[in-house]
PDB file of all heavy atoms in Angstrom:
ATOM      1  N   HIS A   1     121.523-125.707  19.812  1.00  0.00           N
ATOM      2  CA  HIS A   1     122.024-127.078  19.781  1.00  0.00           C
ATOM      3  C   HIS A   1     121.597-127.752  18.481  1.00  0.00           C
ATOM      4  O   HIS A   1     120.512-127.487  17.957  1.00  0.00           O
ATOM      5  CB  HIS A   1     121.487-127.859  20.984  1.00  0.00           C
ATOM      6  CG  HIS A   1     122.304-129.063  21.324  1.00  0.00           C
ATOM      7  ND1 HIS A   1     122.272-130.219  20.588  1.00  0.00           N
ATOM      8  CD2 HIS A   1     123.190-129.275  22.335  1.00  0.00           C
ATOM      9  CE1 HIS A   1     123.084-131.108  21.135  1.00  0.00           C
ATOM     10  NE2 HIS A   1     123.659-130.566  22.187  1.00  0.00           N
ATOM     11  N   ILE A   2     122.425-128.626  17.965  1.00  0.00           N
ATOM     12  CA  ILE A   2     122.134-129.220  16.657  1.00  0.00           C
ATOM     13  C   ILE A   2     121.088-130.331  16.732  1.00  0.00           C
ATOM     14  O   ILE A   2     120.442-130.644  15.729  1.00  0.00           O
ATOM     15  CB  ILE A   2     123.417-129.748  15.985  1.00  0.00           C
ATOM     16  CG1 ILE A   2     124.100-130.798  16.861  1.00  0.00           C
ATOM     17  CG2 ILE A   2     124.342-128.610  15.634  1.00  0.00           C
ATOM     18  CD1 ILE A   2     125.274-131.484  16.156  1.00  0.00           C
ATOM     19  N   HIS A   3     120.904-130.948  17.913  1.00  0.00           N
ATOM     20  CA  HIS A   3     119.960-132.058  17.944  1.00  0.00           C
ATOM     21  C   HIS A   3     119.226-132.210  19.283  1.00  0.00           C
ATOM     22  O   HIS A   3     118.649-133.270  19.543  1.00  0.00           O
ATOM     23  CB  HIS A   3     120.662-133.386  17.598  1.00  0.00           C
ATOM     24  CG  HIS A   3     121.774-133.760  18.540  1.00  0.00           C
ATOM     25  ND1 HIS A   3     123.062-133.911  18.122  1.00  0.00           N
ATOM     26  CD2 HIS A   3     121.784-133.983  19.875  1.00  0.00           C
ATOM     27  CE1 HIS A   3     123.818-134.236  19.157  1.00  0.00           C
ATOM     28  NE2 HIS A   3     123.063-134.284  20.233  1.00  0.00           N
ATOM     29  N   SER A   4     119.226-131.172  20.119  1.00  0.00           N
ATOM     30  CA  SER A   4     118.529-131.266  21.407  1.00  0.00           C
ATOM     31  C   SER A   4     117.419-130.226  21.471  1.00  0.00           C
ATOM     32  O   SER A   4     117.573-129.098  20.986  1.00  0.00           O
ATOM     33  CB  SER A   4     119.500-131.072  22.574  1.00  0.00           C
ATOM     34  OG  SER A   4     120.379-132.170  22.669  1.00  0.00           O
ATOM     35  N   PHE A   5     116.298-130.611  22.112  1.00  0.00           N
ATOM     36  CA  PHE A   5     115.104-129.783  22.122  1.00  0.00           C
ATOM     37  C   PHE A   5     114.489-129.778  23.516  1.00  0.00           C
ATOM     38  O   PHE A   5     114.731-130.683  24.323  1.00  0.00           O
ATOM     39  CB  PHE A   5     114.078-130.297  21.108  1.00  0.00           C
ATOM     40  CG  PHE A   5     114.620-130.364  19.699  1.00  0.00           C
ATOM     41  CD1 PHE A   5     115.342-131.464  19.265  1.00  0.00           C
ATOM     42  CD2 PHE A   5     114.422-129.316  18.818  1.00  0.00           C
ATOM     43  CE1 PHE A   5     115.849-131.524  17.981  1.00  0.00           C
ATOM     44  CE2 PHE A   5     114.931-129.368  17.524  1.00  0.00           C
ATOM     45  CZ  PHE A   5     115.647-130.475  17.111  1.00  0.00           C
ATOM     46  N   ILE A   6     113.697-128.764  23.795  1.00  0.00           N
ATOM     47  CA  ILE A   6     112.986-128.658  25.066  1.00  0.00           C
ATOM     48  C   ILE A   6     111.515-128.377  24.762  1.00  0.00           C
ATOM     49  O   ILE A   6     111.194-127.600  23.845  1.00  0.00           O
ATOM     50  CB  ILE A   6     113.595-127.551  25.967  1.00  0.00           C
ATOM     51  CG1 ILE A   6     112.875-127.505  27.319  1.00  0.00           C
ATOM     52  CG2 ILE A   6     113.554-126.190  25.278  1.00  0.00           C
ATOM     53  CD1 ILE A   6     113.571-126.592  28.319  1.00  0.00           C
ATOM     54  N   CYS A   7     110.634-129.020  25.492  1.00  0.00           N
ATOM     55  CA  CYS A   7     109.194-128.825  25.304  1.00  0.00           C
ATOM     56  C   CYS A   7     108.761-127.649  26.176  1.00  0.00           C
ATOM     57  O   CYS A   7     108.841-127.714  27.406  1.00  0.00           O
ATOM     58  CB  CYS A   7     108.430-130.093  25.680  1.00  0.00           C
ATOM     59  SG  CYS A   7     106.691-130.043  25.200  1.00  0.00           S
ATOM     60  N   VAL A   8     108.322-126.581  25.529  1.00  0.00           N
ATOM     61  CA  VAL A   8     107.960-125.347  26.229  1.00  0.00           C
ATOM     62  C   VAL A   8     106.453-125.127  26.088  1.00  0.00           C
ATOM     63  O   VAL A   8     105.960-124.857  24.990  1.00  0.00           O
ATOM     64  CB  VAL A   8     108.729-124.144  25.646  1.00  0.00           C
ATOM     65  CG1 VAL A   8     108.378-122.879  26.409  1.00  0.00           C
ATOM     66  CG2 VAL A   8     110.234-124.394  25.705  1.00  0.00           C
ATOM     67  N   PRO A   9     105.708-125.230  27.177  1.00  0.00           N
ATOM     68  CA  PRO A   9     104.242-125.102  27.089  1.00  0.00           C
ATOM     69  C   PRO A   9     103.786-123.646  27.027  1.00  0.00           C
ATOM     70  O   PRO A   9     103.159-123.126  27.948  1.00  0.00           O
ATOM     71  CB  PRO A   9     103.784-125.782  28.385  1.00  0.00           C
ATOM     72  CG  PRO A   9     104.885-125.530  29.360  1.00  0.00           C
ATOM     73  CD  PRO A   9     106.157-125.549  28.547  1.00  0.00           C
ATOM     74  N   ASP A  10     104.132-122.958  25.929  1.00  0.00           N
ATOM     75  CA  ASP A  10     103.728-121.556  25.796  1.00  0.00           C
ATOM     76  C   ASP A  10     102.694-121.391  24.687  1.00  0.00           C
ATOM     77  O   ASP A  10     102.722-120.451  23.914  1.00  0.00           O
ATOM     78  CB  ASP A  10     104.940-120.653  25.542  1.00  0.00           C
ATOM     79  CG  ASP A  10     105.709-121.042  24.296  1.00  0.00           C
ATOM     80  OD1 ASP A  10     105.379-122.080  23.691  1.00  0.00           O
ATOM     81  OD2 ASP A  10     106.628-120.307  23.913  1.00  0.00           O
ATOM     82  N   GLY A  11     101.759-122.327  24.643  1.00  0.00           N
ATOM     83  CA  GLY A  11     100.694-122.316  23.647  1.00  0.00           C
ATOM     84  C   GLY A  11     100.902-123.393  22.610  1.00  0.00           C
ATOM     85  O   GLY A  11     102.025-123.664  22.176  1.00  0.00           O
ATOM     86  N   ILE A  12      99.809-124.031  22.228  1.00  0.00           N
ATOM     87  CA  ILE A  12      99.858-125.118  21.258  1.00  0.00           C
ATOM     88  C   ILE A  12      99.320-124.629  19.920  1.00  0.00           C
ATOM     89  O   ILE A  12      98.205-124.108  19.840  1.00  0.00           O
ATOM     90  CB  ILE A  12      99.032-126.331  21.745  1.00  0.00           C
ATOM     91  CG1 ILE A  12      99.681-126.910  23.008  1.00  0.00           C
ATOM     92  CG2 ILE A  12      98.938-127.403  20.661  1.00  0.00           C
ATOM     93  CD1 ILE A  12      98.882-128.019  23.645  1.00  0.00           C
ATOM     94  N   ARG A  13     100.108-124.796  18.894  1.00  0.00           N
ATOM     95  CA  ARG A  13      99.689-124.410  17.550  1.00  0.00           C
ATOM     96  C   ARG A  13      98.830-125.509  16.939  1.00  0.00           C
ATOM     97  O   ARG A  13      99.117-126.702  17.085  1.00  0.00           O
ATOM     98  CB  ARG A  13     100.925-124.155  16.685  1.00  0.00           C
ATOM     99  CG  ARG A  13     100.604-123.753  15.254  1.00  0.00           C
ATOM    100  CD  ARG A  13     101.881-123.465  14.488  1.00  0.00           C
ATOM    101  NE  ARG A  13     101.614-123.193  13.082  1.00  0.00           N
ATOM    102  CZ  ARG A  13     102.541-122.883  12.191  1.00  0.00           C
ATOM    103  NH1 ARG A  13     103.813-122.802  12.567  1.00  0.00           N
ATOM    104  NH2 ARG A  13     102.224-122.658  10.933  1.00  0.00           N
ATOM    105  N   PHE A  14      97.768-125.101  16.227  1.00  0.00           N
ATOM    106  CA  PHE A  14      96.924-126.082  15.547  1.00  0.00           C
ATOM    107  C   PHE A  14      96.387-125.470  14.256  1.00  0.00           C
ATOM    108  O   PHE A  14      96.461-124.257  14.026  1.00  0.00           O
ATOM    109  CB  PHE A  14      95.766-126.546  16.444  1.00  0.00           C
ATOM    110  CG  PHE A  14      94.710-125.498  16.697  1.00  0.00           C
ATOM    111  CD1 PHE A  14      93.610-125.361  15.857  1.00  0.00           C
ATOM    112  CD2 PHE A  14      94.815-124.636  17.779  1.00  0.00           C
ATOM    113  CE1 PHE A  14      92.644-124.397  16.091  1.00  0.00           C
ATOM    114  CE2 PHE A  14      93.855-123.668  18.024  1.00  0.00           C
ATOM    115  CZ  PHE A  14      92.766-123.549  17.175  1.00  0.00           C
ATOM    116  N   CYS A  15      95.844-126.317  13.404  1.00  0.00           N
ATOM    117  CA  CYS A  15      95.201-125.838  12.183  1.00  0.00           C
ATOM    118  C   CYS A  15      94.142-126.837  11.752  1.00  0.00           C
ATOM    119  O   CYS A  15      94.109-127.984  12.211  1.00  0.00           O
ATOM    120  CB  CYS A  15      96.217-125.616  11.059  1.00  0.00           C
ATOM    121  SG  CYS A  15      96.808-127.132  10.301  1.00  0.00           S
ATOM    122  N   GLU A  16      93.247-126.387  10.868  1.00  0.00           N
ATOM    123  CA  GLU A  16      92.224-127.237  10.265  1.00  0.00           C
ATOM    124  C   GLU A  16      92.161-126.912   8.774  1.00  0.00           C
ATOM    125  O   GLU A  16      92.315-125.759   8.380  1.00  0.00           O
ATOM    126  CB  GLU A  16      90.845-127.001  10.886  1.00  0.00           C
ATOM    127  CG  GLU A  16      90.715-127.414  12.336  1.00  0.00           C
ATOM    128  CD  GLU A  16      89.347-127.088  12.902  1.00  0.00           C
ATOM    129  OE1 GLU A  16      88.488-126.557  12.149  1.00  0.00           O
ATOM    130  OE2 GLU A  16      89.129-127.351  14.088  1.00  0.00           O
ATOM    131  N   ALA A  17      91.932-127.934   7.981  1.00  0.00           N
ATOM    132  CA  ALA A  17      91.671-127.738   6.556  1.00  0.00           C
ATOM    133  C   ALA A  17      90.494-128.618   6.178  1.00  0.00           C
ATOM    134  O   ALA A  17      90.405-129.776   6.618  1.00  0.00           O
ATOM    135  CB  ALA A  17      92.901-128.097   5.720  1.00  0.00           C
ATOM    136  N   GLU A  18      89.574-128.077   5.389  1.00  0.00           N
ATOM    137  CA  GLU A  18      88.421-128.869   4.980  1.00  0.00           C
ATOM    138  C   GLU A  18      88.041-128.508   3.548  1.00  0.00           C
ATOM    139  O   GLU A  18      88.250-127.368   3.100  1.00  0.00           O
ATOM    140  CB  GLU A  18      87.235-128.668   5.925  1.00  0.00           C
ATOM    141  CG  GLU A  18      86.765-127.242   6.071  1.00  0.00           C
ATOM    142  CD  GLU A  18      85.617-127.120   7.053  1.00  0.00           C
ATOM    143  OE1 GLU A  18      85.318-128.097   7.768  1.00  0.00           O
ATOM    144  OE2 GLU A  18      85.004-126.054   7.088  1.00  0.00           O
ATOM    145  N   GLN A  19      87.489-129.497   2.870  1.00  0.00           N
ATOM    146  CA  GLN A  19      87.132-129.278   1.470  1.00  0.00           C
ATOM    147  C   GLN A  19      86.000-130.205   1.075  1.00  0.00           C
ATOM    148  O   GLN A  19      85.988-131.382   1.426  1.00  0.00           O
ATOM    149  CB  GLN A  19      88.344-129.515   0.566  1.00  0.00           C
ATOM    150  CG  GLN A  19      88.094-129.172  -0.890  1.00  0.00           C
ATOM    151  CD  GLN A  19      89.352-129.276  -1.727  1.00  0.00           C
ATOM    152  OE1 GLN A  19      90.337-129.874  -1.323  1.00  0.00           O
ATOM    153  NE2 GLN A  19      89.321-128.686  -2.917  1.00  0.00           N
ATOM    154  N   CYS A  20      85.038-129.639   0.357  1.00  0.00           N
ATOM    155  CA  CYS A  20      84.009-130.433  -0.302  1.00  0.00           C
ATOM    156  C   CYS A  20      84.399-130.609  -1.761  1.00  0.00           C
ATOM    157  O   CYS A  20      85.061-129.744  -2.345  1.00  0.00           O
ATOM    158  CB  CYS A  20      82.646-129.739  -0.221  1.00  0.00           C
ATOM    159  SG  CYS A  20      81.920-129.688   1.424  1.00  0.00           S
ATOM    160  N   ARG A  21      83.975-131.722  -2.333  1.00  0.00           N
ATOM    161  CA  ARG A  21      84.288-131.931  -3.746  1.00  0.00           C
ATOM    162  C   ARG A  21      83.672-130.810  -4.586  1.00  0.00           C
ATOM    163  O   ARG A  21      82.529-130.432  -4.393  1.00  0.00           O
ATOM    164  CB  ARG A  21      83.769-133.303  -4.196  1.00  0.00           C
ATOM    165  CG  ARG A  21      84.189-133.661  -5.604  1.00  0.00           C
ATOM    166  CD  ARG A  21      84.027-135.143  -5.863  1.00  0.00           C
ATOM    167  NE  ARG A  21      84.912-135.958  -5.022  1.00  0.00           N
ATOM    168  CZ  ARG A  21      86.193-136.169  -5.262  1.00  0.00           C
ATOM    169  NH1 ARG A  21      86.782-135.589  -6.299  1.00  0.00           N
ATOM    170  NH2 ARG A  21      86.909-136.939  -4.472  1.00  0.00           N
ATOM    171  N   ASN A  22      84.464-130.263  -5.471  1.00  0.00           N
ATOM    172  CA  ASN A  22      84.077-129.126  -6.313  1.00  0.00           C
ATOM    173  C   ASN A  22      83.869-127.841  -5.517  1.00  0.00           C
ATOM    174  O   ASN A  22      83.273-126.881  -6.004  1.00  0.00           O
ATOM    175  CB  ASN A  22      82.807-129.432  -7.118  1.00  0.00           C
ATOM    176  CG  ASN A  22      82.964-130.647  -8.020  1.00  0.00           C
ATOM    177  OD1 ASN A  22      84.019-130.834  -8.625  1.00  0.00           O
ATOM    178  ND2 ASN A  22      81.941-131.480  -8.089  1.00  0.00           N
ATOM    179  N   GLY A  23      84.363-127.838  -4.275  1.00  0.00           N
ATOM    180  CA  GLY A  23      84.247-126.644  -3.447  1.00  0.00           C
ATOM    181  C   GLY A  23      85.616-126.094  -3.095  1.00  0.00           C
ATOM    182  O   GLY A  23      86.649-126.715  -3.362  1.00  0.00           O
ATOM    183  N   PRO A  24      85.653-124.907  -2.484  1.00  0.00           N
ATOM    184  CA  PRO A  24      86.943-124.294  -2.141  1.00  0.00           C
ATOM    185  C   PRO A  24      87.597-124.980  -0.949  1.00  0.00           C
ATOM    186  O   PRO A  24      86.914-125.553  -0.090  1.00  0.00           O
ATOM    187  CB  PRO A  24      86.559-122.853  -1.789  1.00  0.00           C
ATOM    188  CG  PRO A  24      85.145-122.970  -1.283  1.00  0.00           C
ATOM    189  CD  PRO A  24      84.501-124.060  -2.098  1.00  0.00           C
ATOM    190  N   LEU A  25      88.894-124.914  -0.910  1.00  0.00           N
ATOM    191  CA  LEU A  25      89.644-125.389   0.239  1.00  0.00           C
ATOM    192  C   LEU A  25      89.628-124.298   1.309  1.00  0.00           C
ATOM    193  O   LEU A  25      89.983-123.146   1.032  1.00  0.00           O
ATOM    194  CB  LEU A  25      91.077-125.712  -0.166  1.00  0.00           C
ATOM    195  CG  LEU A  25      92.028-126.160   0.953  1.00  0.00           C
ATOM    196  CD1 LEU A  25      91.615-127.518   1.493  1.00  0.00           C
ATOM    197  CD2 LEU A  25      93.461-126.201   0.440  1.00  0.00           C
ATOM    198  N   VAL A  26      89.203-124.646   2.513  1.00  0.00           N
ATOM    199  CA  VAL A  26      89.094-123.688   3.604  1.00  0.00           C
ATOM    200  C   VAL A  26      90.127-124.045   4.664  1.00  0.00           C
ATOM    201  O   VAL A  26      90.208-125.212   5.087  1.00  0.00           O
ATOM    202  CB  VAL A  26      87.679-123.683   4.218  1.00  0.00           C
ATOM    203  CG1 VAL A  26      87.589-122.665   5.338  1.00  0.00           C
ATOM    204  CG2 VAL A  26      86.646-123.393   3.147  1.00  0.00           C
ATOM    205  N   VAL A  27      90.915-123.055   5.088  1.00  0.00           N
ATOM    206  CA  VAL A  27      91.989-123.295   6.053  1.00  0.00           C
ATOM    207  C   VAL A  27      91.788-122.401   7.268  1.00  0.00           C
ATOM    208  O   VAL A  27      91.545-121.197   7.137  1.00  0.00           O
ATOM    209  CB  VAL A  27      93.377-123.031   5.436  1.00  0.00           C
ATOM    210  CG1 VAL A  27      94.469-123.239   6.474  1.00  0.00           C
ATOM    211  CG2 VAL A  27      93.604-123.947   4.234  1.00  0.00           C
ATOM    212  N   PHE A  28      91.872-123.015   8.452  1.00  0.00           N
ATOM    213  CA  PHE A  28      91.842-122.311   9.728  1.00  0.00           C
ATOM    214  C   PHE A  28      93.166-122.588  10.447  1.00  0.00           C
ATOM    215  O   PHE A  28      93.786-123.623  10.233  1.00  0.00           O
ATOM    216  CB  PHE A  28      90.693-122.799  10.621  1.00  0.00           C
ATOM    217  CG  PHE A  28      89.330-122.676  10.003  1.00  0.00           C
ATOM    218  CD1 PHE A  28      88.823-123.680   9.202  1.00  0.00           C
ATOM    219  CD2 PHE A  28      88.551-121.553  10.240  1.00  0.00           C
ATOM    220  CE1 PHE A  28      87.567-123.581   8.640  1.00  0.00           C
ATOM    221  CE2 PHE A  28      87.288-121.439   9.677  1.00  0.00           C
ATOM    222  CZ  PHE A  28      86.794-122.455   8.879  1.00  0.00           C
ATOM    223  N   ALA A  29      93.554-121.676  11.298  1.00  0.00           N
ATOM    224  CA  ALA A  29      94.733-121.901  12.127  1.00  0.00           C
ATOM    225  C   ALA A  29      94.476-121.283  13.492  1.00  0.00           C
ATOM    226  O   ALA A  29      93.525-120.521  13.679  1.00  0.00           O
ATOM    227  CB  ALA A  29      95.979-121.297  11.486  1.00  0.00           C
TER     228      ALA A  29
END
C-alpha cells in the first residue's frame, strides 16, 4: 500500500551512539 501501515510487535529496533570530545564515536545497535 502506498500510505497505509500496520504496527507489528515482532521486536523493537534500537541503537545508541556516544562520543567524548576528542574521542572515537561509538555505535551500538
